[in-house]
Amino acid sequence: MECIVHFDVQHSEGVKPLRGLLFLDEGKTPAEQDLIGMFKDMNFNVRLEDREKLVFKPVAPGEKYSEIRITSFDNGKKSGKQDNELKSIVGNLLPQKPAGL
């Protein structure tokens, strides 16, 4: 299964949002070594700094970036979670029912 990894690379000039692609077995989530390998293929030699926040730091000093932070994973499946903000916006755009007699 394909998994698109969305991440931000922190440069001195600012943040650059990027994406990477992983191929995983069905139902699996990316492991630390999967992510490090993906970054290595993209010429980012990193180590995991913060497991909870998914922050990676460069191994070599003097890199042009200071950290990489994973923002989301997309495996192509819709989540069953209801988007309340979208529901509210659509509800406000639809015509209101007339008041009862």
PDB file of N, CA and C in Angstrom:
ATOM      1  N   MET A   1       0.842  -1.162   0.000  1.00  0.00           N
ATOM      2  CA  MET A   1       0.000   0.000   0.000  1.00  0.00           C
ATOM      3  C   MET A   1       0.897   1.238   0.000  1.00  0.00           C
ATOM      4  N   GLU A   2       0.492   2.245  -0.713  1.00  0.00           N
ATOM      5  CA  GLU A   2       1.227   3.506  -0.758  1.00  0.00           C
ATOM      6  C   GLU A   2       0.867   4.358   0.444  1.00  0.00           C
ATOM      7  N   CYS A   3       1.853   5.049   0.988  1.00  0.00           N
ATOM      8  CA  CYS A   3       1.631   5.979   2.086  1.00  0.00           C
ATOM      9  C   CYS A   3       2.390   7.256   1.763  1.00  0.00           C
ATOM     10  N   ILE A   4       1.655   8.351   1.625  1.00  0.00           N
ATOM     11  CA  ILE A   4       2.274   9.648   1.367  1.00  0.00           C
ATOM     12  C   ILE A   4       2.564  10.288   2.716  1.00  0.00           C
ATOM     13  N   VAL A   5       3.821  10.685   2.904  1.00  0.00           N
ATOM     14  CA  VAL A   5       4.259  11.302   4.151  1.00  0.00           C
ATOM     15  C   VAL A   5       4.411  12.800   3.894  1.00  0.00           C
ATOM     16  N   HIS A   6       3.637  13.603   4.606  1.00  0.00           N
ATOM     17  CA  HIS A   6       3.729  15.060   4.501  1.00  0.00           C
ATOM     18  C   HIS A   6       4.639  15.539   5.629  1.00  0.00           C
ATOM     19  N   PHE A   7       5.610  16.393   5.278  1.00  0.00           N
ATOM     20  CA  PHE A   7       6.522  16.875   6.303  1.00  0.00           C
ATOM     21  C   PHE A   7       7.013  18.277   5.970  1.00  0.00           C
ATOM     22  N   ASP A   8       7.479  18.974   7.002  1.00  0.00           N
ATOM     23  CA  ASP A   8       8.029  20.320   6.867  1.00  0.00           C
ATOM     24  C   ASP A   8       9.522  20.273   7.156  1.00  0.00           C
ATOM     25  N   VAL A   9      10.312  20.907   6.289  1.00  0.00           N
ATOM     26  CA  VAL A   9      11.751  21.020   6.492  1.00  0.00           C
ATOM     27  C   VAL A   9      12.031  22.448   6.940  1.00  0.00           C
ATOM     28  N   GLN A  10      12.646  22.587   8.113  1.00  0.00           N
ATOM     29  CA  GLN A  10      12.935  23.902   8.685  1.00  0.00           C
ATOM     30  C   GLN A  10      14.302  24.383   8.180  1.00  0.00           C
ATOM     31  N   HIS A  11      14.278  25.436   7.347  1.00  0.00           N
ATOM     32  CA  HIS A  11      15.496  26.083   6.852  1.00  0.00           C
ATOM     33  C   HIS A  11      15.629  27.427   7.556  1.00  0.00           C
ATOM     34  N   SER A  12      16.777  28.043   7.458  1.00  0.00           N
ATOM     35  CA  SER A  12      16.959  29.370   8.065  1.00  0.00           C
ATOM     36  C   SER A  12      16.062  30.402   7.392  1.00  0.00           C
ATOM     37  N   GLU A  13      15.720  30.172   6.114  1.00  0.00           N
ATOM     38  CA  GLU A  13      14.843  31.102   5.387  1.00  0.00           C
ATOM     39  C   GLU A  13      13.369  30.885   5.714  1.00  0.00           C
ATOM     40  N   GLY A  14      13.038  29.740   6.297  1.00  0.00           N
ATOM     41  CA  GLY A  14      11.641  29.433   6.614  1.00  0.00           C
ATOM     42  C   GLY A  14      11.358  27.954   6.433  1.00  0.00           C
ATOM     43  N   VAL A  15      10.085  27.617   6.514  1.00  0.00           N
ATOM     44  CA  VAL A  15       9.643  26.226   6.425  1.00  0.00           C
ATOM     45  C   VAL A  15       9.296  25.884   4.982  1.00  0.00           C
ATOM     46  N   LYS A  16       9.720  24.701   4.557  1.00  0.00           N
ATOM     47  CA  LYS A  16       9.394  24.228   3.208  1.00  0.00           C
ATOM     48  C   LYS A  16       8.608  22.930   3.344  1.00  0.00           C
ATOM     49  N   PRO A  17       7.315  22.928   2.954  1.00  0.00           N
ATOM     50  CA  PRO A  17       6.528  21.692   3.028  1.00  0.00           C
ATOM     51  C   PRO A  17       6.873  20.753   1.866  1.00  0.00           C
ATOM     52  N   LEU A  18       7.100  19.485   2.188  1.00  0.00           N
ATOM     53  CA  LEU A  18       7.436  18.485   1.176  1.00  0.00           C
ATOM     54  C   LEU A  18       6.639  17.209   1.428  1.00  0.00           C
ATOM     55  N   ARG A  19       6.740  16.276   0.479  1.00  0.00           N
ATOM     56  CA  ARG A  19       6.081  14.972   0.610  1.00  0.00           C
ATOM     57  C   ARG A  19       7.044  13.876   0.207  1.00  0.00           C
ATOM     58  N   GLY A  20       6.853  12.718   0.817  1.00  0.00           N
ATOM     59  CA  GLY A  20       7.618  11.537   0.454  1.00  0.00           C
ATOM     60  C   GLY A  20       6.661  10.371   0.283  1.00  0.00           C
ATOM     61  N   LEU A  21       7.145   9.298  -0.325  1.00  0.00           N
ATOM     62  CA  LEU A  21       6.299   8.136  -0.593  1.00  0.00           C
ATOM     63  C   LEU A  21       6.931   6.889  -0.008  1.00  0.00           C
ATOM     64  N   LEU A  22       6.115   6.113   0.710  1.00  0.00           N
ATOM     65  CA  LEU A  22       6.538   4.829   1.262  1.00  0.00           C
ATOM     66  C   LEU A  22       5.603   3.750   0.741  1.00  0.00           C
ATOM     67  N   PHE A  23       6.149   2.557   0.528  1.00  0.00           N
ATOM     68  CA  PHE A  23       5.334   1.396   0.184  1.00  0.00           C
ATOM     69  C   PHE A  23       5.351   0.459   1.381  1.00  0.00           C
ATOM     70  N   LEU A  24       4.167   0.224   1.958  1.00  0.00           N
ATOM     71  CA  LEU A  24       4.025  -0.572   3.168  1.00  0.00           C
ATOM     72  C   LEU A  24       3.075  -1.730   2.927  1.00  0.00           C
ATOM     73  N   ASP A  25       3.175  -2.738   3.787  1.00  0.00           N
ATOM     74  CA  ASP A  25       2.203  -3.825   3.764  1.00  0.00           C
ATOM     75  C   ASP A  25       0.848  -3.285   4.205  1.00  0.00           C
ATOM     76  N   GLU A  26      -0.213  -3.881   3.712  1.00  0.00           N
ATOM     77  CA  GLU A  26      -1.584  -3.455   4.035  1.00  0.00           C
ATOM     78  C   GLU A  26      -1.788  -3.411   5.546  1.00  0.00           C
ATOM     79  N   GLY A  27      -2.315  -2.302   6.035  1.00  0.00           N
ATOM     80  CA  GLY A  27      -2.633  -2.154   7.449  1.00  0.00           C
ATOM     81  C   GLY A  27      -1.461  -1.743   8.329  1.00  0.00           C
ATOM     82  N   LYS A  28      -0.268  -1.616   7.771  1.00  0.00           N
ATOM     83  CA  LYS A  28       0.920  -1.233   8.545  1.00  0.00           C
ATOM     84  C   LYS A  28       1.068   0.283   8.571  1.00  0.00           C
ATOM     85  N   THR A  29       1.688   0.768   9.624  1.00  0.00           N
ATOM     86  CA  THR A  29       2.037   2.181   9.715  1.00  0.00           C
ATOM     87  C   THR A  29       3.548   2.306   9.571  1.00  0.00           C
ATOM     88  N   PRO A  30       4.040   3.449   9.108  1.00  0.00           N
ATOM     89  CA  PRO A  30       5.480   3.609   8.911  1.00  0.00           C
ATOM     90  C   PRO A  30       6.244   3.483  10.234  1.00  0.00           C
ATOM     91  N   ALA A  31       7.334   2.735  10.205  1.00  0.00           N
ATOM     92  CA  ALA A  31       8.215   2.600  11.355  1.00  0.00           C
ATOM     93  C   ALA A  31       9.342   3.624  11.245  1.00  0.00           C
ATOM     94  N   GLU A  32      10.067   3.776  12.333  1.00  0.00           N
ATOM     95  CA  GLU A  32      11.175   4.734  12.369  1.00  0.00           C
ATOM     96  C   GLU A  32      12.168   4.495  11.235  1.00  0.00           C
ATOM     97  N   GLN A  33      12.561   3.244  11.015  1.00  0.00           N
ATOM     98  CA  GLN A  33      13.540   2.936   9.968  1.00  0.00           C
ATOM     99  C   GLN A  33      12.972   3.175   8.567  1.00  0.00           C
ATOM    100  N   ASP A  34      11.659   2.985   8.389  1.00  0.00           N
ATOM    101  CA  ASP A  34      11.026   3.293   7.096  1.00  0.00           C
ATOM    102  C   ASP A  34      11.177   4.780   6.784  1.00  0.00           C
ATOM    103  N   LEU A  35      10.900   5.611   7.788  1.00  0.00           N
ATOM    104  CA  LEU A  35      10.966   7.058   7.601  1.00  0.00           C
ATOM    105  C   LEU A  35      12.401   7.526   7.384  1.00  0.00           C
ATOM    106  N   ILE A  36      13.331   7.007   8.185  1.00  0.00           N
ATOM    107  CA  ILE A  36      14.737   7.391   8.027  1.00  0.00           C
ATOM    108  C   ILE A  36      15.237   6.977   6.642  1.00  0.00           C
ATOM    109  N   GLY A  37      14.847   5.787   6.170  1.00  0.00           N
ATOM    110  CA  GLY A  37      15.227   5.344   4.831  1.00  0.00           C
ATOM    111  C   GLY A  37      14.657   6.226   3.742  1.00  0.00           C
ATOM    112  N   MET A  38      13.395   6.629   3.898  1.00  0.00           N
ATOM    113  CA  MET A  38      12.761   7.525   2.926  1.00  0.00           C
ATOM    114  C   MET A  38      13.516   8.852   2.872  1.00  0.00           C
ATOM    115  N   PHE A  39      13.828   9.410   4.057  1.00  0.00           N
ATOM    116  CA  PHE A  39      14.563  10.679   4.092  1.00  0.00           C
ATOM    117  C   PHE A  39      15.958  10.525   3.477  1.00  0.00           C
ATOM    118  N   LYS A  40      16.610   9.396   3.733  1.00  0.00           N
ATOM    119  CA  LYS A  40      17.943   9.152   3.179  1.00  0.00           C
ATOM    120  C   LYS A  40      17.882   9.118   1.651  1.00  0.00           C
ATOM    121  N   ASP A  41      16.828   8.493   1.087  1.00  0.00           N
ATOM    122  CA  ASP A  41      16.644   8.466  -0.362  1.00  0.00           C
ATOM    123  C   ASP A  41      16.456   9.868  -0.929  1.00  0.00           C
ATOM    124  N   MET A  42      16.001  10.789  -0.085  1.00  0.00           N
ATOM    125  CA  MET A  42      15.777  12.178  -0.497  1.00  0.00           C
ATOM    126  C   MET A  42      16.969  13.069  -0.123  1.00  0.00           C
ATOM    127  N   ASN A  43      18.094  12.450   0.239  1.00  0.00           N
ATOM    128  CA  ASN A  43      19.328  13.151   0.627  1.00  0.00           C
ATOM    129  C   ASN A  43      19.202  13.931   1.929  1.00  0.00           C
ATOM    130  N   PHE A  44      18.349  13.467   2.833  1.00  0.00           N
ATOM    131  CA  PHE A  44      18.275  13.999   4.186  1.00  0.00           C
ATOM    132  C   PHE A  44      18.786  12.898   5.126  1.00  0.00           C
ATOM    133  N   ASN A  45      20.010  13.042   5.629  1.00  0.00           N
ATOM    134  CA  ASN A  45      20.574  12.058   6.550  1.00  0.00           C
ATOM    135  C   ASN A  45      20.198  12.497   7.964  1.00  0.00           C
ATOM    136  N   VAL A  46      19.179  11.831   8.547  1.00  0.00           N
ATOM    137  CA  VAL A  46      18.601  12.286   9.814  1.00  0.00           C
ATOM    138  C   VAL A  46      18.538  11.160  10.847  1.00  0.00           C
ATOM    139  N   ARG A  47      18.254  11.578  12.078  1.00  0.00           N
ATOM    140  CA  ARG A  47      17.978  10.665  13.184  1.00  0.00           C
ATOM    141  C   ARG A  47      16.711  11.166  13.868  1.00  0.00           C
ATOM    142  N   LEU A  48      15.989  10.263  14.508  1.00  0.00           N
ATOM    143  CA  LEU A  48      14.766  10.633  15.206  1.00  0.00           C
ATOM    144  C   LEU A  48      15.120  11.342  16.506  1.00  0.00           C
ATOM    145  N   GLU A  49      14.643  12.565  16.671  1.00  0.00           N
ATOM    146  CA  GLU A  49      14.914  13.371  17.862  1.00  0.00           C
ATOM    147  C   GLU A  49      13.776  13.259  18.865  1.00  0.00           C
ATOM    148  N   ASP A  50      12.525  13.378  18.402  1.00  0.00           N
ATOM    149  CA  ASP A  50      11.361  13.364  19.287  1.00  0.00           C
ATOM    150  C   ASP A  50      10.314  12.426  18.691  1.00  0.00           C
ATOM    151  N   ARG A  51      10.126  11.275  19.320  1.00  0.00           N
ATOM    152  CA  ARG A  51       9.220  10.250  18.813  1.00  0.00           C
ATOM    153  C   ARG A  51       7.755  10.713  18.867  1.00  0.00           C
ATOM    154  N   GLU A  52       7.362  11.438  19.910  1.00  0.00           N
ATOM    155  CA  GLU A  52       5.968  11.868  20.056  1.00  0.00           C
ATOM    156  C   GLU A  52       5.589  12.919  19.025  1.00  0.00           C
ATOM    157  N   LYS A  53       6.481  13.865  18.762  1.00  0.00           N
ATOM    158  CA  LYS A  53       6.190  14.949  17.824  1.00  0.00           C
ATOM    159  C   LYS A  53       6.679  14.650  16.413  1.00  0.00           C
ATOM    160  N   LEU A  54       7.319  13.469  16.220  1.00  0.00           N
ATOM    161  CA  LEU A  54       7.863  13.051  14.922  1.00  0.00           C
ATOM    162  C   LEU A  54       8.796  14.107  14.328  1.00  0.00           C
ATOM    163  N   VAL A  55       9.811  14.461  15.129  1.00  0.00           N
ATOM    164  CA  VAL A  55      10.816  15.437  14.720  1.00  0.00           C
ATOM    165  C   VAL A  55      12.129  14.708  14.463  1.00  0.00           C
ATOM    166  N   PHE A  56      12.728  14.986  13.306  1.00  0.00           N
ATOM    167  CA  PHE A  56      14.005  14.407  12.926  1.00  0.00           C
ATOM    168  C   PHE A  56      15.034  15.523  12.818  1.00  0.00           C
ATOM    169  N   LYS A  57      16.257  15.239  13.255  1.00  0.00           N
ATOM    170  CA  LYS A  57      17.358  16.207  13.195  1.00  0.00           C
ATOM    171  C   LYS A  57      18.448  15.667  12.269  1.00  0.00           C
ATOM    172  N   PRO A  58      19.207  16.561  11.613  1.00  0.00           N
ATOM    173  CA  PRO A  58      20.290  16.100  10.750  1.00  0.00           C
ATOM    174  C   PRO A  58      21.405  15.430  11.558  1.00  0.00           C
ATOM    175  N   VAL A  59      22.014  14.404  10.976  1.00  0.00           N
ATOM    176  CA  VAL A  59      23.116  13.698  11.633  1.00  0.00           C
ATOM    177  C   VAL A  59      24.393  14.524  11.531  1.00  0.00           C
ATOM    178  N   ALA A  60      24.670  15.049  10.358  1.00  0.00           N
ATOM    179  CA  ALA A  60      25.895  15.806  10.115  1.00  0.00           C
ATOM    180  C   ALA A  60      25.709  17.272  10.510  1.00  0.00           C
ATOM    181  N   PRO A  61      26.692  17.841  11.209  1.00  0.00           N
ATOM    182  CA  PRO A  61      26.606  19.278  11.513  1.00  0.00           C
ATOM    183  C   PRO A  61      26.798  20.099  10.243  1.00  0.00           C
ATOM    184  N   GLY A  62      26.228  21.292  10.237  1.00  0.00           N
ATOM    185  CA  GLY A  62      26.404  22.187   9.102  1.00  0.00           C
ATOM    186  C   GLY A  62      25.427  21.988   7.962  1.00  0.00           C
ATOM    187  N   GLU A  63      24.392  21.182   8.160  1.00  0.00           N
ATOM    188  CA  GLU A  63      23.370  21.013   7.115  1.00  0.00           C
ATOM    189  C   GLU A  63      22.613  22.324   6.928  1.00  0.00           C
ATOM    190  N   LYS A  64      21.982  22.464   5.777  1.00  0.00           N
ATOM    191  CA  LYS A  64      21.246  23.696   5.472  1.00  0.00           C
ATOM    192  C   LYS A  64      19.868  23.727   6.133  1.00  0.00           C
ATOM    193  N   TYR A  65      19.463  22.637   6.756  1.00  0.00           N
ATOM    194  CA  TYR A  65      18.178  22.572   7.453  1.00  0.00           C
ATOM    195  C   TYR A  65      18.437  22.200   8.910  1.00  0.00           C
ATOM    196  N   SER A  66      17.524  22.618   9.798  1.00  0.00           N
ATOM    197  CA  SER A  66      17.730  22.358  11.225  1.00  0.00           C
ATOM    198  C   SER A  66      16.888  21.191  11.734  1.00  0.00           C
ATOM    199  N   GLU A  67      15.733  20.951  11.114  1.00  0.00           N
ATOM    200  CA  GLU A  67      14.906  19.820  11.531  1.00  0.00           C
ATOM    201  C   GLU A  67      13.866  19.507  10.467  1.00  0.00           C
ATOM    202  N   ILE A  68      13.326  18.298  10.582  1.00  0.00           N
ATOM    203  CA  ILE A  68      12.217  17.862   9.739  1.00  0.00           C
ATOM    204  C   ILE A  68      11.117  17.392  10.680  1.00  0.00           C
ATOM    205  N   ARG A  69       9.900  17.892  10.452  1.00  0.00           N
ATOM    206  CA  ARG A  69       8.759  17.524  11.285  1.00  0.00           C
ATOM    207  C   ARG A  69       7.678  16.919  10.394  1.00  0.00           C
ATOM    208  N   ILE A  70       7.280  15.676  10.706  1.00  0.00           N
ATOM    209  CA  ILE A  70       6.211  15.031   9.945  1.00  0.00           C
ATOM    210  C   ILE A  70       4.884  15.633  10.381  1.00  0.00           C
ATOM    211  N   THR A  71       4.084  16.044   9.393  1.00  0.00           N
ATOM    212  CA  THR A  71       2.801  16.677   9.700  1.00  0.00           C
ATOM    213  C   THR A  71       1.623  15.737   9.531  1.00  0.00           C
ATOM    214  N   SER A  72       1.714  14.781   8.577  1.00  0.00           N
ATOM    215  CA  SER A  72       0.604  13.836   8.410  1.00  0.00           C
ATOM    216  C   SER A  72       1.010  12.681   7.503  1.00  0.00           C
ATOM    217  N   PHE A  73       0.192  11.628   7.580  1.00  0.00           N
ATOM    218  CA  PHE A  73       0.332  10.466   6.711  1.00  0.00           C
ATOM    219  C   PHE A  73      -0.963  10.338   5.919  1.00  0.00           C
ATOM    220  N   ASP A  74      -0.860   9.963   4.650  1.00  0.00           N
ATOM    221  CA  ASP A  74      -2.037   9.772   3.807  1.00  0.00           C
ATOM    222  C   ASP A  74      -1.910   8.421   3.112  1.00  0.00           C
ATOM    223  N   ASN A  75      -2.773   7.474   3.518  1.00  0.00           N
ATOM    224  CA  ASN A  75      -2.728   6.153   2.895  1.00  0.00           C
ATOM    225  C   ASN A  75      -3.841   5.966   1.870  1.00  0.00           C
ATOM    226  N   GLY A  76      -4.546   7.055   1.538  1.00  0.00           N
ATOM    227  CA  GLY A  76      -5.569   7.000   0.507  1.00  0.00           C
ATOM    228  C   GLY A  76      -6.935   6.563   0.999  1.00  0.00           C
ATOM    229  N   LYS A  77      -7.030   6.182   2.254  1.00  0.00           N
ATOM    230  CA  LYS A  77      -8.317   5.760   2.802  1.00  0.00           C
ATOM    231  C   LYS A  77      -8.948   6.918   3.550  1.00  0.00           C
ATOM    232  N   LYS A  78     -10.243   7.066   3.374  1.00  0.00           N
ATOM    233  CA  LYS A  78     -10.959   8.116   4.086  1.00  0.00           C
ATOM    234  C   LYS A  78     -11.130   7.704   5.533  1.00  0.00           C
ATOM    235  N   SER A  79     -10.961   8.678   6.408  1.00  0.00           N
ATOM    236  CA  SER A  79     -11.199   8.381   7.819  1.00  0.00           C
ATOM    237  C   SER A  79     -12.689   8.495   8.089  1.00  0.00           C
ATOM    238  N   GLY A  80     -13.177   7.749   9.037  1.00  0.00           N
ATOM    239  CA  GLY A  80     -14.595   7.747   9.363  1.00  0.00           C
ATOM    240  C   GLY A  80     -14.997   8.928  10.222  1.00  0.00           C
ATOM    241  N   LYS A  81     -14.057   9.824  10.480  1.00  0.00           N
ATOM    242  CA  LYS A  81     -14.313  10.968  11.347  1.00  0.00           C
ATOM    243  C   LYS A  81     -15.158  12.015  10.619  1.00  0.00           C
ATOM    244  N   GLN A  82     -16.130  12.538  11.296  1.00  0.00           N
ATOM    245  CA  GLN A  82     -17.010  13.551  10.719  1.00  0.00           C
ATOM    246  C   GLN A  82     -16.346  14.910  10.845  1.00  0.00           C
ATOM    247  N   ASP A  83     -16.366  15.699   9.777  1.00  0.00           N
ATOM    248  CA  ASP A  83     -15.779  17.033   9.774  1.00  0.00           C
ATOM    249  C   ASP A  83     -16.855  18.032  10.182  1.00  0.00           C
ATOM    250  N   ASN A  84     -16.846  18.424  11.457  1.00  0.00           N
ATOM    251  CA  ASN A  84     -17.887  19.307  11.974  1.00  0.00           C
ATOM    252  C   ASN A  84     -17.813  20.709  11.394  1.00  0.00           C
ATOM    253  N   GLU A  85     -16.614  21.199  11.103  1.00  0.00           N
ATOM    254  CA  GLU A  85     -16.487  22.534  10.510  1.00  0.00           C
ATOM    255  C   GLU A  85     -17.108  22.556   9.119  1.00  0.00           C
ATOM    256  N   LEU A  86     -16.812  21.533   8.315  1.00  0.00           N
ATOM    257  CA  LEU A  86     -17.393  21.457   6.975  1.00  0.00           C
ATOM    258  C   LEU A  86     -18.907  21.336   7.058  1.00  0.00           C
ATOM    259  N   LYS A  87     -19.405  20.536   7.980  1.00  0.00           N
ATOM    260  CA  LYS A  87     -20.848  20.375   8.155  1.00  0.00           C
ATOM    261  C   LYS A  87     -21.498  21.711   8.523  1.00  0.00           C
ATOM    262  N   SER A  88     -20.856  22.489   9.374  1.00  0.00           N
ATOM    263  CA  SER A  88     -21.382  23.793   9.782  1.00  0.00           C
ATOM    264  C   SER A  88     -21.424  24.766   8.599  1.00  0.00           C
ATOM    265  N   ILE A  89     -20.354  24.779   7.806  1.00  0.00           N
ATOM    266  CA  ILE A  89     -20.305  25.679   6.645  1.00  0.00           C
ATOM    267  C   ILE A  89     -21.403  25.320   5.651  1.00  0.00           C
ATOM    268  N   VAL A  90     -21.536  24.031   5.345  1.00  0.00           N
ATOM    269  CA  VAL A  90     -22.572  23.588   4.404  1.00  0.00           C
ATOM    270  C   VAL A  90     -23.950  23.907   4.957  1.00  0.00           C
ATOM    271  N   GLY A  91     -24.148  23.695   6.252  1.00  0.00           N
ATOM    272  CA  GLY A  91     -25.436  23.992   6.879  1.00  0.00           C
ATOM    273  C   GLY A  91     -25.805  25.463   6.771  1.00  0.00           C
ATOM    274  N   ASN A  92     -24.821  26.351   6.855  1.00  0.00           N
ATOM    275  CA  ASN A  92     -25.084  27.788   6.739  1.00  0.00           C
ATOM    276  C   ASN A  92     -25.355  28.202   5.302  1.00  0.00           C
ATOM    277  N   LEU A  93     -24.855  27.441   4.333  1.00  0.00           N
ATOM    278  CA  LEU A  93     -25.068  27.781   2.931  1.00  0.00           C
ATOM    279  C   LEU A  93     -26.406  27.284   2.400  1.00  0.00           C
ATOM    280  N   LEU A  94     -26.930  26.214   2.980  1.00  0.00           N
ATOM    281  CA  LEU A  94     -28.204  25.652   2.539  1.00  0.00           C
ATOM    282  C   LEU A  94     -29.351  26.553   2.989  1.00  0.00           C
ATOM    283  N   PRO A  95     -30.420  26.632   2.181  1.00  0.00           N
ATOM    284  CA  PRO A  95     -31.560  27.463   2.604  1.00  0.00           C
ATOM    285  C   PRO A  95     -32.185  26.905   3.895  1.00  0.00           C
ATOM    286  N   GLN A  96     -32.593  27.808   4.751  1.00  0.00           N
ATOM    287  CA  GLN A  96     -33.190  27.415   6.019  1.00  0.00           C
ATOM    288  C   GLN A  96     -34.629  26.980   5.811  1.00  0.00           C
ATOM    289  N   LYS A  97     -35.085  26.056   6.637  1.00  0.00           N
ATOM    290  CA  LYS A  97     -36.477  25.588   6.562  1.00  0.00           C
ATOM    291  C   LYS A  97     -37.387  26.725   7.043  1.00  0.00           C
ATOM    292  N   PRO A  98     -38.570  26.883   6.404  1.00  0.00           N
ATOM    293  CA  PRO A  98     -39.489  27.934   6.859  1.00  0.00           C
ATOM    294  C   PRO A  98     -40.001  27.585   8.266  1.00  0.00           C
ATOM    295  N   ALA A  99     -40.267  28.637   9.012  1.00  0.00           N
ATOM    296  CA  ALA A  99     -40.784  28.446  10.382  1.00  0.00           C
ATOM    297  C   ALA A  99     -42.170  27.834  10.324  1.00  0.00           C
ATOM    298  N   GLY A 100     -42.477  26.997  11.300  1.00  0.00           N
ATOM    299  CA  GLY A 100     -43.792  26.336  11.362  1.00  0.00           C
ATOM    300  C   GLY A 100     -44.896  27.342  11.672  1.00  0.00           C
ATOM    301  N   LEU A 101     -46.135  26.951  11.400  1.00  0.00           N
ATOM    302  CA  LEU A 101     -47.295  27.805  11.664  1.00  0.00           C
ATOM    303  C   LEU A 101     -47.722  27.768  13.082  1.00  0.00           C
TER     304      LEU A 101
END
